[in-house]
PDB file of N, CA and C in Angstrom:
ATOM      1  N   MET A   1     -76.782  74.851  17.230  1.00  0.00           N
ATOM      2  CA  MET A   1     -76.238  74.607  16.046  1.00  0.00           C
ATOM      3  C   MET A   1     -77.328  73.229  15.640  1.00  0.00           C
ATOM      4  N   ARG A   2     -78.012  73.584  14.149  1.00  0.00           N
ATOM      5  CA  ARG A   2     -78.513  72.005  13.705  1.00  0.00           C
ATOM      6  C   ARG A   2     -77.848  71.075  12.710  1.00  0.00           C
ATOM      7  N   LYS A   3     -78.271  70.219  12.940  1.00  0.00           N
ATOM      8  CA  LYS A   3     -77.582  69.478  11.279  1.00  0.00           C
ATOM      9  C   LYS A   3     -78.212  70.028  10.285  1.00  0.00           C
ATOM     10  N   LEU A   4     -77.683  70.032   9.484  1.00  0.00           N
ATOM     11  CA  LEU A   4     -77.919  70.478   8.022  1.00  0.00           C
ATOM     12  C   LEU A   4     -78.518  69.415   7.093  1.00  0.00           C
ATOM     13  N   THR A   5     -79.329  69.588   6.818  1.00  0.00           N
ATOM     14  CA  THR A   5     -80.398  68.636   6.008  1.00  0.00           C
ATOM     15  C   THR A   5     -79.616  68.026   4.480  1.00  0.00           C
ATOM     16  N   MET A   6     -80.111  66.808   3.822  1.00  0.00           N
ATOM     17  CA  MET A   6     -79.546  66.843   2.206  1.00  0.00           C
ATOM     18  C   MET A   6     -79.146  67.684   1.333  1.00  0.00           C
ATOM     19  N   PRO A   7     -80.530  68.821   1.415  1.00  0.00           N
ATOM     20  CA  PRO A   7     -80.509  69.851   0.094  1.00  0.00           C
ATOM     21  C   PRO A   7     -79.412  70.924   0.655  1.00  0.00           C
ATOM     22  N   GLU A   8     -79.606  71.424   1.847  1.00  0.00           N
ATOM     23  CA  GLU A   8     -79.438  72.037   1.931  1.00  0.00           C
ATOM     24  C   GLU A   8     -77.432  72.018   2.039  1.00  0.00           C
ATOM     25  N   LEU A   9     -77.170  70.873   2.142  1.00  0.00           N
ATOM     26  CA  LEU A   9     -75.630  70.876   1.874  1.00  0.00           C
ATOM     27  C   LEU A   9     -75.218  70.815   0.477  1.00  0.00           C
ATOM     28  N   ASN A  10     -76.426  70.527  -0.646  1.00  0.00           N
ATOM     29  CA  ASN A  10     -76.231  70.709  -2.109  1.00  0.00           C
ATOM     30  C   ASN A  10     -75.289  69.135  -2.092  1.00  0.00           C
ATOM     31  N   ARG A  11     -75.792  68.235  -2.051  1.00  0.00           N
ATOM     32  CA  ARG A  11     -74.991  67.225  -2.318  1.00  0.00           C
ATOM     33  C   ARG A  11     -75.658  66.557  -3.678  1.00  0.00           C
ATOM     34  N   LEU A  12     -75.020  65.765  -4.063  1.00  0.00           N
ATOM     35  CA  LEU A  12     -75.640  64.895  -5.295  1.00  0.00           C
ATOM     36  C   LEU A  12     -76.486  63.943  -4.888  1.00  0.00           C
ATOM     37  N   SER A  13     -77.143  63.138  -5.566  1.00  0.00           N
ATOM     38  CA  SER A  13     -78.394  61.682  -4.959  1.00  0.00           C
ATOM     39  C   SER A  13     -77.414  61.015  -5.549  1.00  0.00           C
ATOM     40  N   LEU A  14     -77.511  59.796  -5.354  1.00  0.00           N
ATOM     41  CA  LEU A  14     -76.864  58.839  -5.848  1.00  0.00           C
ATOM     42  C   LEU A  14     -77.037  58.675  -7.077  1.00  0.00           C
ATOM     43  N   THR A  15     -78.241  58.891  -7.755  1.00  0.00           N
ATOM     44  CA  THR A  15     -78.344  58.284  -9.219  1.00  0.00           C
ATOM     45  C   THR A  15     -77.310  59.308  -9.807  1.00  0.00           C
ATOM     46  N   GLU A  16     -77.454  60.798  -9.552  1.00  0.00           N
ATOM     47  CA  GLU A  16     -76.840  61.986 -10.083  1.00  0.00           C
ATOM     48  C   GLU A  16     -75.431  62.153  -9.589  1.00  0.00           C
ATOM     49  N   TYR A  17     -74.804  61.189  -8.505  1.00  0.00           N
ATOM     50  CA  TYR A  17     -73.762  60.966  -8.556  1.00  0.00           C
ATOM     51  C   TYR A  17     -72.873  59.935  -9.476  1.00  0.00           C
ATOM     52  N   GLN A  18     -73.680  59.049  -9.674  1.00  0.00           N
ATOM     53  CA  GLN A  18     -73.341  57.351 -10.775  1.00  0.00           C
ATOM     54  C   GLN A  18     -72.768  58.294 -12.192  1.00  0.00           C
ATOM     55  N   GLU A  19     -73.888  58.889 -12.289  1.00  0.00           N
ATOM     56  CA  GLU A  19     -73.334  59.414 -13.796  1.00  0.00           C
ATOM     57  C   GLU A  19     -72.656  60.978 -14.102  1.00  0.00           C
ATOM     58  N   VAL A  20     -72.508  61.448 -12.884  1.00  0.00           N
ATOM     59  CA  VAL A  20     -71.589  62.235 -13.049  1.00  0.00           C
ATOM     60  C   VAL A  20     -69.866  61.941 -13.636  1.00  0.00           C
ATOM     61  N   GLU A  21     -69.006  63.067 -13.750  1.00  0.00           N
ATOM     62  CA  GLU A  21     -67.750  62.664 -15.095  1.00  0.00           C
ATOM     63  C   GLU A  21     -67.078  62.258 -13.470  1.00  0.00           C
ATOM     64  N   LYS A  22     -66.351  61.346 -13.535  1.00  0.00           N
ATOM     65  CA  LYS A  22     -65.192  61.020 -12.124  1.00  0.00           C
ATOM     66  C   LYS A  22     -63.904  61.457 -12.705  1.00  0.00           C
ATOM     67  N   LEU A  23     -63.321  61.969 -11.733  1.00  0.00           N
ATOM     68  CA  LEU A  23     -61.271  62.717 -11.534  1.00  0.00           C
ATOM     69  C   LEU A  23     -61.114  60.721 -12.133  1.00  0.00           C
ATOM     70  N   ASP A  24     -60.086  60.596 -12.939  1.00  0.00           N
ATOM     71  CA  ASP A  24     -59.588  60.056 -13.268  1.00  0.00           C
ATOM     72  C   ASP A  24     -57.891  59.642 -12.172  1.00  0.00           C
ATOM     73  N   VAL A  25     -58.361  59.040 -11.324  1.00  0.00           N
ATOM     74  CA  VAL A  25     -57.396  58.391 -10.041  1.00  0.00           C
ATOM     75  C   VAL A  25     -58.096  57.138  -9.511  1.00  0.00           C
ATOM     76  N   ILE A  26     -56.732  56.374  -9.398  1.00  0.00           N
ATOM     77  CA  ILE A  26     -57.158  55.101  -8.889  1.00  0.00           C
ATOM     78  C   ILE A  26     -56.410  55.255  -7.335  1.00  0.00           C
ATOM     79  N   ILE A  27     -57.096  54.818  -6.362  1.00  0.00           N
ATOM     80  CA  ILE A  27     -56.079  54.712  -5.188  1.00  0.00           C
ATOM     81  C   ILE A  27     -56.173  53.512  -4.711  1.00  0.00           C
ATOM     82  N   VAL A  28     -55.166  52.914  -4.268  1.00  0.00           N
ATOM     83  CA  VAL A  28     -54.991  51.839  -4.167  1.00  0.00           C
ATOM     84  C   VAL A  28     -54.127  51.804  -2.213  1.00  0.00           C
ATOM     85  N   LEU A  29     -54.876  51.215  -1.570  1.00  0.00           N
ATOM     86  CA  LEU A  29     -53.873  50.748   0.146  1.00  0.00           C
ATOM     87  C   LEU A  29     -53.647  49.145  -0.108  1.00  0.00           C
ATOM     88  N   ASP A  30     -52.585  49.934   0.755  1.00  0.00           N
ATOM     89  CA  ASP A  30     -52.157  48.348   0.735  1.00  0.00           C
ATOM     90  C   ASP A  30     -51.371  47.926   1.987  1.00  0.00           C
ATOM     91  N   ASN A  31     -52.166  47.004   2.745  1.00  0.00           N
ATOM     92  CA  ASN A  31     -51.927  46.811   4.265  1.00  0.00           C
ATOM     93  C   ASN A  31     -52.291  47.545   5.474  1.00  0.00           C
ATOM     94  N   VAL A  32     -53.547  48.758   5.047  1.00  0.00           N
ATOM     95  CA  VAL A  32     -53.784  49.633   5.896  1.00  0.00           C
ATOM     96  C   VAL A  32     -54.393  48.902   6.509  1.00  0.00           C
ATOM     97  N   ARG A  33     -54.225  48.729   7.932  1.00  0.00           N
ATOM     98  CA  ARG A  33     -54.840  48.079   9.107  1.00  0.00           C
ATOM     99  C   ARG A  33     -56.342  48.846   9.688  1.00  0.00           C
ATOM    100  N   SER A  34     -56.402  49.673   9.876  1.00  0.00           N
ATOM    101  CA  SER A  34     -57.445  50.656  10.478  1.00  0.00           C
ATOM    102  C   SER A  34     -58.096  50.773   9.899  1.00  0.00           C
ATOM    103  N   LEU A  35     -59.535  50.239  10.164  1.00  0.00           N
ATOM    104  CA  LEU A  35     -60.809  50.671   9.733  1.00  0.00           C
ATOM    105  C   LEU A  35     -61.410  52.289   9.207  1.00  0.00           C
ATOM    106  N   SER A  36     -61.350  53.180  10.146  1.00  0.00           N
ATOM    107  CA  SER A  36     -60.985  54.288  10.039  1.00  0.00           C
ATOM    108  C   SER A  36     -60.193  55.012   9.660  1.00  0.00           C
ATOM    109  N   ASN A  37     -59.167  54.856   8.992  1.00  0.00           N
ATOM    110  CA  ASN A  37     -58.323  55.057   7.864  1.00  0.00           C
ATOM    111  C   ASN A  37     -58.627  55.135   7.058  1.00  0.00           C
ATOM    112  N   ILE A  38     -59.048  53.459   6.594  1.00  0.00           N
ATOM    113  CA  ILE A  38     -59.891  53.439   5.659  1.00  0.00           C
ATOM    114  C   ILE A  38     -61.472  54.292   5.074  1.00  0.00           C
ATOM    115  N   GLY A  39     -61.768  53.574   5.919  1.00  0.00           N
ATOM    116  CA  GLY A  39     -63.583  55.098   5.948  1.00  0.00           C
ATOM    117  C   GLY A  39     -62.999  56.187   5.621  1.00  0.00           C
ATOM    118  N   SER A  40     -61.887  57.093   6.051  1.00  0.00           N
ATOM    119  CA  SER A  40     -61.989  58.391   5.500  1.00  0.00           C
ATOM    120  C   SER A  40     -61.386  58.105   4.182  1.00  0.00           C
ATOM    121  N   PHE A  41     -60.401  57.358   3.768  1.00  0.00           N
ATOM    122  CA  PHE A  41     -60.120  57.134   2.429  1.00  0.00           C
ATOM    123  C   PHE A  41     -61.462  57.456   1.131  1.00  0.00           C
ATOM    124  N   PHE A  42     -62.228  56.297   1.716  1.00  0.00           N
ATOM    125  CA  PHE A  42     -63.449  55.977   1.149  1.00  0.00           C
ATOM    126  C   PHE A  42     -64.342  57.609   0.864  1.00  0.00           C
ATOM    127  N   ARG A  43     -64.438  58.587   2.266  1.00  0.00           N
ATOM    128  CA  ARG A  43     -65.126  59.733   2.512  1.00  0.00           C
ATOM    129  C   ARG A  43     -64.308  60.256   1.428  1.00  0.00           C
ATOM    130  N   THR A  44     -63.273  60.630   1.594  1.00  0.00           N
ATOM    131  CA  THR A  44     -62.285  61.773   0.914  1.00  0.00           C
ATOM    132  C   THR A  44     -62.807  61.097  -0.699  1.00  0.00           C
ATOM    133  N   ALA A  45     -62.526  60.640  -1.108  1.00  0.00           N
ATOM    134  CA  ALA A  45     -62.157  59.714  -2.812  1.00  0.00           C
ATOM    135  C   ALA A  45     -64.233  60.135  -2.775  1.00  0.00           C
ATOM    136  N   ASP A  46     -65.360  60.055  -1.949  1.00  0.00           N
ATOM    137  CA  ASP A  46     -66.349  59.956  -2.502  1.00  0.00           C
ATOM    138  C   ASP A  46     -66.438  62.138  -2.310  1.00  0.00           C
ATOM    139  N   ALA A  47     -65.835  62.813  -2.209  1.00  0.00           N
ATOM    140  CA  ALA A  47     -65.615  63.799  -1.838  1.00  0.00           C
ATOM    141  C   ALA A  47     -65.482  64.828  -2.754  1.00  0.00           C
ATOM    142  N   PHE A  48     -64.107  63.998  -3.930  1.00  0.00           N
ATOM    143  CA  PHE A  48     -63.293  64.264  -5.118  1.00  0.00           C
ATOM    144  C   PHE A  48     -63.809  63.533  -6.271  1.00  0.00           C
ATOM    145  N   ARG A  49     -64.922  62.997  -6.250  1.00  0.00           N
ATOM    146  CA  ARG A  49     -65.158  61.840  -6.890  1.00  0.00           C
ATOM    147  C   ARG A  49     -63.854  60.936  -7.450  1.00  0.00           C
ATOM    148  N   ILE A  50     -63.576  60.274  -6.883  1.00  0.00           N
ATOM    149  CA  ILE A  50     -62.180  59.264  -7.502  1.00  0.00           C
ATOM    150  C   ILE A  50     -62.908  57.498  -8.358  1.00  0.00           C
ATOM    151  N   GLU A  51     -62.426  57.778  -9.247  1.00  0.00           N
ATOM    152  CA  GLU A  51     -62.747  56.709  -9.983  1.00  0.00           C
ATOM    153  C   GLU A  51     -63.197  55.610  -9.068  1.00  0.00           C
ATOM    154  N   GLU A  52     -61.937  55.034  -8.887  1.00  0.00           N
ATOM    155  CA  GLU A  52     -61.776  53.525  -8.134  1.00  0.00           C
ATOM    156  C   GLU A  52     -61.198  53.626  -7.279  1.00  0.00           C
ATOM    157  N   ILE A  53     -61.357  52.282  -6.330  1.00  0.00           N
ATOM    158  CA  ILE A  53     -60.151  52.393  -4.728  1.00  0.00           C
ATOM    159  C   ILE A  53     -59.784  50.854  -5.060  1.00  0.00           C
ATOM    160  N   PHE A  54     -58.675  50.255  -5.169  1.00  0.00           N
ATOM    161  CA  PHE A  54     -58.244  49.477  -4.568  1.00  0.00           C
ATOM    162  C   PHE A  54     -57.887  48.632  -3.443  1.00  0.00           C
ATOM    163  N   LEU A  55     -58.190  47.939  -2.320  1.00  0.00           N
ATOM    164  CA  LEU A  55     -57.759  47.124  -1.475  1.00  0.00           C
ATOM    165  C   LEU A  55     -56.616  45.751  -1.512  1.00  0.00           C
ATOM    166  N   CYS A  56     -55.333  46.226  -0.920  1.00  0.00           N
ATOM    167  CA  CYS A  56     -55.260  44.843  -1.411  1.00  0.00           C
ATOM    168  C   CYS A  56     -53.923  44.369   0.095  1.00  0.00           C
ATOM    169  N   GLY A  57     -53.635  43.653  -0.049  1.00  0.00           N
ATOM    170  CA  GLY A  57     -52.547  42.874   0.701  1.00  0.00           C
ATOM    171  C   GLY A  57     -53.595  42.782   2.399  1.00  0.00           C
ATOM    172  N   ILE A  58     -53.068  43.303   3.478  1.00  0.00           N
ATOM    173  CA  ILE A  58     -54.239  42.658   4.359  1.00  0.00           C
ATOM    174  C   ILE A  58     -55.121  43.417   4.943  1.00  0.00           C
ATOM    175  N   THR A  59     -55.233  44.736   4.179  1.00  0.00           N
ATOM    176  CA  THR A  59     -56.295  45.463   4.380  1.00  0.00           C
ATOM    177  C   THR A  59     -57.466  44.679   4.758  1.00  0.00           C
ATOM    178  N   ALA A  60     -57.805  45.783   6.050  1.00  0.00           N
ATOM    179  CA  ALA A  60     -59.374  45.465   6.386  1.00  0.00           C
ATOM    180  C   ALA A  60     -60.406  45.788   5.522  1.00  0.00           C
ATOM    181  N   TYR A  61     -61.473  45.090   5.185  1.00  0.00           N
ATOM    182  CA  TYR A  61     -62.500  45.399   4.342  1.00  0.00           C
ATOM    183  C   TYR A  61     -63.884  45.253   4.896  1.00  0.00           C
ATOM    184  N   CYS A  62     -64.439  46.349   5.517  1.00  0.00           N
ATOM    185  CA  CYS A  62     -65.678  46.335   5.949  1.00  0.00           C
ATOM    186  C   CYS A  62     -66.616  47.492   5.404  1.00  0.00           C
ATOM    187  N   LEU A  63     -67.941  47.337   5.100  1.00  0.00           N
ATOM    188  CA  LEU A  63     -68.698  48.217   4.630  1.00  0.00           C
ATOM    189  C   LEU A  63     -68.772  49.204   5.625  1.00  0.00           C
ATOM    190  N   LYS A  64     -69.388  48.760   6.807  1.00  0.00           N
ATOM    191  CA  LYS A  64     -69.866  49.230   7.565  1.00  0.00           C
ATOM    192  C   LYS A  64     -68.773  51.283   8.275  1.00  0.00           C
ATOM    193  N   SER A  65     -67.388  50.669   7.754  1.00  0.00           N
ATOM    194  CA  SER A  65     -66.581  52.072   7.836  1.00  0.00           C
ATOM    195  C   SER A  65     -66.938  53.316   6.665  1.00  0.00           C
ATOM    196  N   LEU A  66     -67.512  52.835   5.960  1.00  0.00           N
ATOM    197  CA  LEU A  66     -67.206  53.874   4.668  1.00  0.00           C
ATOM    198  C   LEU A  66     -68.595  54.788   4.651  1.00  0.00           C
ATOM    199  N   CYS A  67     -69.284  54.634   5.922  1.00  0.00           N
ATOM    200  CA  CYS A  67     -70.363  55.618   5.792  1.00  0.00           C
ATOM    201  C   CYS A  67     -70.962  56.021   4.947  1.00  0.00           C
ATOM    202  N   GLY A  68     -71.140  57.451   4.517  1.00  0.00           N
ATOM    203  CA  GLY A  68     -71.892  58.491   3.573  1.00  0.00           C
ATOM    204  C   GLY A  68     -71.565  57.483   2.066  1.00  0.00           C
ATOM    205  N   ALA A  69     -70.077  57.151   2.125  1.00  0.00           N
ATOM    206  CA  ALA A  69     -69.622  56.952   0.530  1.00  0.00           C
ATOM    207  C   ALA A  69     -70.221  55.412   0.141  1.00  0.00           C
ATOM    208  N   ARG A  70     -70.339  54.849   1.431  1.00  0.00           N
ATOM    209  CA  ARG A  70     -70.893  53.172   0.424  1.00  0.00           C
ATOM    210  C   ARG A  70     -71.908  53.667  -0.590  1.00  0.00           C
ATOM    211  N   GLY A  71     -71.822  52.685  -1.515  1.00  0.00           N
ATOM    212  CA  GLY A  71     -72.714  53.086  -2.902  1.00  0.00           C
ATOM    213  C   GLY A  71     -71.985  53.939  -3.781  1.00  0.00           C
ATOM    214  N   ARG A  72     -71.042  54.729  -3.498  1.00  0.00           N
ATOM    215  CA  ARG A  72     -70.759  56.247  -4.161  1.00  0.00           C
ATOM    216  C   ARG A  72     -69.321  55.649  -4.975  1.00  0.00           C
ATOM    217  N   CYS A  73     -68.552  55.410  -4.398  1.00  0.00           N
ATOM    218  CA  CYS A  73     -67.658  54.604  -5.275  1.00  0.00           C
ATOM    219  C   CYS A  73     -67.614  53.475  -5.166  1.00  0.00           C
ATOM    220  N   VAL A  74     -66.463  52.970  -6.303  1.00  0.00           N
ATOM    221  CA  VAL A  74     -66.274  51.822  -7.027  1.00  0.00           C
ATOM    222  C   VAL A  74     -64.822  51.174  -5.807  1.00  0.00           C
ATOM    223  N   CYS A  75     -65.171  50.002  -5.457  1.00  0.00           N
ATOM    224  CA  CYS A  75     -64.115  49.011  -4.912  1.00  0.00           C
ATOM    225  C   CYS A  75     -63.893  47.846  -4.955  1.00  0.00           C
ATOM    226  N   LYS A  76     -63.001  47.631  -5.177  1.00  0.00           N
ATOM    227  CA  LYS A  76     -62.529  46.351  -5.845  1.00  0.00           C
ATOM    228  C   LYS A  76     -62.231  45.562  -4.137  1.00  0.00           C
ATOM    229  N   PRO A  77     -62.845  44.358  -3.820  1.00  0.00           N
ATOM    230  CA  PRO A  77     -62.571  43.921  -3.046  1.00  0.00           C
ATOM    231  C   PRO A  77     -61.120  43.211  -3.133  1.00  0.00           C
ATOM    232  N   PRO A  78     -60.596  42.885  -1.380  1.00  0.00           N
ATOM    233  CA  PRO A  78     -58.823  42.978  -1.573  1.00  0.00           C
ATOM    234  C   PRO A  78     -58.562  41.501  -2.419  1.00  0.00           C
ATOM    235  N   PHE A  79     -57.211  41.951  -2.706  1.00  0.00           N
ATOM    236  CA  PHE A  79     -56.826  40.871  -3.879  1.00  0.00           C
ATOM    237  C   PHE A  79     -55.192  41.199  -3.241  1.00  0.00           C
ATOM    238  N   TYR A  80     -54.237  40.010  -3.624  1.00  0.00           N
ATOM    239  CA  TYR A  80     -52.943  39.935  -3.615  1.00  0.00           C
ATOM    240  C   TYR A  80     -52.076  39.891  -4.520  1.00  0.00           C
ATOM    241  N   TRP A  81     -50.933  40.949  -4.459  1.00  0.00           N
ATOM    242  CA  TRP A  81     -50.084  41.094  -5.834  1.00  0.00           C
ATOM    243  C   TRP A  81     -49.195  39.814  -6.112  1.00  0.00           C
TER     244      TRP A  81
END
């Protein structure tokens, strides 16, 4: 089994993704400690074209965990209620 190329996956380019209409949903992650879980949220938000993700409390913040979603999702850095 070979790895598919981006055109074969029918994925939008970064500029196409930024211009396409987003789902009017905002995700709030509060006190999520696992970077793996945070990365999963970002990749899922990327797939469903979620508008924004807010990180708050002691939620970890690491761009490396975002993998393919980096630059596609609007992320608000950690803040406290």
